[in-house]
PDB file of N, CA and C in Angstrom:
ATOM      1  N   UNK A   1      96.607 104.381  99.192  1.00  0.00           N
ATOM      2  CA  UNK A   1      95.517 104.063  99.704  1.00  0.00           C
ATOM      3  C   UNK A   1      94.767 104.777 100.658  1.00  0.00           C
ATOM      4  N   UNK A   2      93.309 105.317  99.554  1.00  0.00           N
ATOM      5  CA  UNK A   2      92.251 105.387 100.970  1.00  0.00           C
ATOM      6  C   UNK A   2      91.256 104.372 101.510  1.00  0.00           C
ATOM      7  N   UNK A   3      90.916 104.361 103.226  1.00  0.00           N
ATOM      8  CA  UNK A   3      90.549 103.705 103.567  1.00  0.00           C
ATOM      9  C   UNK A   3      89.391 104.488 104.312  1.00  0.00           C
ATOM     10  N   UNK A   4      88.500 103.304 104.610  1.00  0.00           N
ATOM     11  CA  UNK A   4      87.333 103.762 105.521  1.00  0.00           C
ATOM     12  C   UNK A   4      86.639 103.149 105.706  1.00  0.00           C
ATOM     13  N   UNK A   5      86.808 102.900 107.748  1.00  0.00           N
ATOM     14  CA  UNK A   5      86.337 102.490 108.775  1.00  0.00           C
ATOM     15  C   UNK A   5      85.485 101.500 108.016  1.00  0.00           C
ATOM     16  N   UNK A   6      85.240 100.325 107.683  1.00  0.00           N
ATOM     17  CA  UNK A   6      83.853  99.693 107.437  1.00  0.00           C
ATOM     18  C   UNK A   6      83.737  99.515 106.169  1.00  0.00           C
ATOM     19  N   UNK A   7      84.331 100.099 105.840  1.00  0.00           N
ATOM     20  CA  UNK A   7      83.740  99.632 104.371  1.00  0.00           C
ATOM     21  C   UNK A   7      84.520  99.539 103.060  1.00  0.00           C
ATOM     22  N   UNK A   8      84.240  98.587 102.171  1.00  0.00           N
ATOM     23  CA  UNK A   8      85.583  98.193 101.289  1.00  0.00           C
ATOM     24  C   UNK A   8      85.374  98.223 100.026  1.00  0.00           C
ATOM     25  N   UNK A   9      85.918  98.563  99.458  1.00  0.00           N
ATOM     26  CA  UNK A   9      84.775  99.125  97.755  1.00  0.00           C
ATOM     27  C   UNK A   9      86.203  99.018  96.877  1.00  0.00           C
ATOM     28  N   UNK A  10      86.421  98.049  95.720  1.00  0.00           N
ATOM     29  CA  UNK A  10      86.986  97.706  94.647  1.00  0.00           C
ATOM     30  C   UNK A  10      87.141  99.203  93.018  1.00  0.00           C
ATOM     31  N   UNK A  11      87.596  99.695  93.535  1.00  0.00           N
ATOM     32  CA  UNK A  11      87.249 101.072  92.205  1.00  0.00           C
ATOM     33  C   UNK A  11      88.400 101.062  91.064  1.00  0.00           C
ATOM     34  N   UNK A  12      88.009 101.426  89.447  1.00  0.00           N
ATOM     35  CA  UNK A  12      89.562 101.494  88.551  1.00  0.00           C
ATOM     36  C   UNK A  12      89.515 102.821  88.305  1.00  0.00           C
ATOM     37  N   UNK A  13      90.475 103.318  88.411  1.00  0.00           N
ATOM     38  CA  UNK A  13      90.975 104.250  88.466  1.00  0.00           C
ATOM     39  C   UNK A  13      91.223 104.722  87.065  1.00  0.00           C
ATOM     40  N   UNK A  14      91.089 105.612  86.246  1.00  0.00           N
ATOM     41  CA  UNK A  14      91.971 105.643  85.196  1.00  0.00           C
ATOM     42  C   UNK A  14      93.421 106.379  84.697  1.00  0.00           C
ATOM     43  N   UNK A  15      94.094 105.726  84.978  1.00  0.00           N
ATOM     44  CA  UNK A  15      95.509 106.793  84.145  1.00  0.00           C
ATOM     45  C   UNK A  15      95.914 107.451  82.902  1.00  0.00           C
ATOM     46  N   UNK A  16      94.754 108.931  83.577  1.00  0.00           N
ATOM     47  CA  UNK A  16      95.287 109.997  82.820  1.00  0.00           C
ATOM     48  C   UNK A  16      95.980 110.914  83.788  1.00  0.00           C
ATOM     49  N   UNK A  17      96.714 111.815  83.074  1.00  0.00           N
ATOM     50  CA  UNK A  17      96.811 113.449  83.976  1.00  0.00           C
ATOM     51  C   UNK A  17      95.654 113.591  84.706  1.00  0.00           C
ATOM     52  N   UNK A  18      94.980 113.429  83.868  1.00  0.00           N
ATOM     53  CA  UNK A  18      93.592 114.746  83.933  1.00  0.00           C
ATOM     54  C   UNK A  18      91.962 114.054  84.408  1.00  0.00           C
ATOM     55  N   UNK A  19      91.687 113.408  85.171  1.00  0.00           N
ATOM     56  CA  UNK A  19      90.817 113.652  85.764  1.00  0.00           C
ATOM     57  C   UNK A  19      89.014 114.330  84.779  1.00  0.00           C
ATOM     58  N   UNK A  20      88.021 113.744  84.139  1.00  0.00           N
ATOM     59  CA  UNK A  20      86.366 114.807  84.656  1.00  0.00           C
ATOM     60  C   UNK A  20      86.145 115.229  85.624  1.00  0.00           C
ATOM     61  N   UNK A  21      85.496 116.255  86.325  1.00  0.00           N
ATOM     62  CA  UNK A  21      85.022 115.920  87.498  1.00  0.00           C
ATOM     63  C   UNK A  21      83.968 115.100  87.543  1.00  0.00           C
ATOM     64  N   UNK A  22      83.286 115.182  86.450  1.00  0.00           N
ATOM     65  CA  UNK A  22      81.617 113.499  86.624  1.00  0.00           C
ATOM     66  C   UNK A  22      82.739 112.819  87.106  1.00  0.00           C
ATOM     67  N   UNK A  23      83.927 111.569  85.876  1.00  0.00           N
ATOM     68  CA  UNK A  23      84.425 110.844  86.811  1.00  0.00           C
ATOM     69  C   UNK A  23      85.805 110.707  88.420  1.00  0.00           C
ATOM     70  N   UNK A  24      85.626 111.784  88.420  1.00  0.00           N
ATOM     71  CA  UNK A  24      86.215 111.619  90.037  1.00  0.00           C
ATOM     72  C   UNK A  24      84.883 111.497  90.748  1.00  0.00           C
ATOM     73  N   UNK A  25      83.977 112.560  90.434  1.00  0.00           N
ATOM     74  CA  UNK A  25      83.150 112.597  91.287  1.00  0.00           C
ATOM     75  C   UNK A  25      82.026 111.029  91.665  1.00  0.00           C
ATOM     76  N   UNK A  26      81.947 110.930  90.575  1.00  0.00           N
ATOM     77  CA  UNK A  26      81.910 109.246  90.558  1.00  0.00           C
ATOM     78  C   UNK A  26      82.659 107.774  91.212  1.00  0.00           C
ATOM     79  N   UNK A  27      83.397 108.505  90.996  1.00  0.00           N
ATOM     80  CA  UNK A  27      85.051 107.382  91.783  1.00  0.00           C
ATOM     81  C   UNK A  27      84.876 107.612  93.198  1.00  0.00           C
ATOM     82  N   UNK A  28      84.289 108.722  93.739  1.00  0.00           N
ATOM     83  CA  UNK A  28      84.225 109.519  95.209  1.00  0.00           C
ATOM     84  C   UNK A  28      82.499 108.725  95.371  1.00  0.00           C
ATOM     85  N   UNK A  29      82.482 108.460  94.929  1.00  0.00           N
ATOM     86  CA  UNK A  29      80.433 108.237  95.373  1.00  0.00           C
ATOM     87  C   UNK A  29      80.509 107.026  95.399  1.00  0.00           C
ATOM     88  N   UNK A  30      81.470 105.415  94.466  1.00  0.00           N
ATOM     89  CA  UNK A  30      81.368 104.867  94.510  1.00  0.00           C
ATOM     90  C   UNK A  30      82.306 103.794  95.604  1.00  0.00           C
ATOM     91  N   UNK A  31      83.540 105.021  96.066  1.00  0.00           N
ATOM     92  CA  UNK A  31      84.097 104.606  97.666  1.00  0.00           C
ATOM     93  C   UNK A  31      83.439 104.349  98.641  1.00  0.00           C
ATOM     94  N   UNK A  32      81.410 105.216  98.621  1.00  0.00           N
ATOM     95  CA  UNK A  32      81.057 105.642  99.627  1.00  0.00           C
ATOM     96  C   UNK A  32      81.543 106.772 100.906  1.00  0.00           C
ATOM     97  N   UNK A  33      82.198 107.600  99.976  1.00  0.00           N
ATOM     98  CA  UNK A  33      82.706 109.103 100.059  1.00  0.00           C
ATOM     99  C   UNK A  33      82.164 110.037 100.121  1.00  0.00           C
ATOM    100  N   UNK A  34      82.316 110.613 100.673  1.00  0.00           N
ATOM    101  CA  UNK A  34      82.021 112.050 100.346  1.00  0.00           C
ATOM    102  C   UNK A  34      83.222 113.070  99.236  1.00  0.00           C
ATOM    103  N   UNK A  35      83.054 113.947  98.949  1.00  0.00           N
ATOM    104  CA  UNK A  35      83.587 114.513  99.112  1.00  0.00           C
ATOM    105  C   UNK A  35      84.789 115.696 100.293  1.00  0.00           C
ATOM    106  N   UNK A  36      84.224 115.692 101.100  1.00  0.00           N
ATOM    107  CA  UNK A  36      85.374 116.412 101.807  1.00  0.00           C
ATOM    108  C   UNK A  36      85.521 115.416 102.704  1.00  0.00           C
ATOM    109  N   UNK A  37      85.122 114.107 102.732  1.00  0.00           N
ATOM    110  CA  UNK A  37      85.882 113.288 103.507  1.00  0.00           C
ATOM    111  C   UNK A  37      86.813 112.905 102.039  1.00  0.00           C
ATOM    112  N   UNK A  38      86.932 112.360 101.515  1.00  0.00           N
ATOM    113  CA  UNK A  38      88.363 112.077 100.185  1.00  0.00           C
ATOM    114  C   UNK A  38      89.525 113.301 100.843  1.00  0.00           C
ATOM    115  N   UNK A  39      88.445 114.996 100.698  1.00  0.00           N
ATOM    116  CA  UNK A  39      89.996 116.240 100.879  1.00  0.00           C
ATOM    117  C   UNK A  39      90.835 115.951 102.576  1.00  0.00           C
ATOM    118  N   UNK A  40      89.604 115.666 103.627  1.00  0.00           N
ATOM    119  CA  UNK A  40      90.140 115.214 105.175  1.00  0.00           C
ATOM    120  C   UNK A  40      91.258 114.295 105.025  1.00  0.00           C
ATOM    121  N   UNK A  41      91.005 112.617 103.212  1.00  0.00           N
ATOM    122  CA  UNK A  41      92.577 112.440 103.525  1.00  0.00           C
ATOM    123  C   UNK A  41      93.558 111.676 102.418  1.00  0.00           C
ATOM    124  N   UNK A  42      94.153 113.174 101.954  1.00  0.00           N
ATOM    125  CA  UNK A  42      94.423 113.773 101.452  1.00  0.00           C
ATOM    126  C   UNK A  42      94.845 114.904 101.560  1.00  0.00           C
TER     127      UNK A  42
END
């Protein structure tokens, strides 16, 4: 689970072996995060 203080986002993550770049970027944007913030979390 990824958490950003003060932000709550309900995301639907597709169960695929691979996600397209556009889908991944949209999920990150909908979560209120930047790509760099996600990379810091993983």
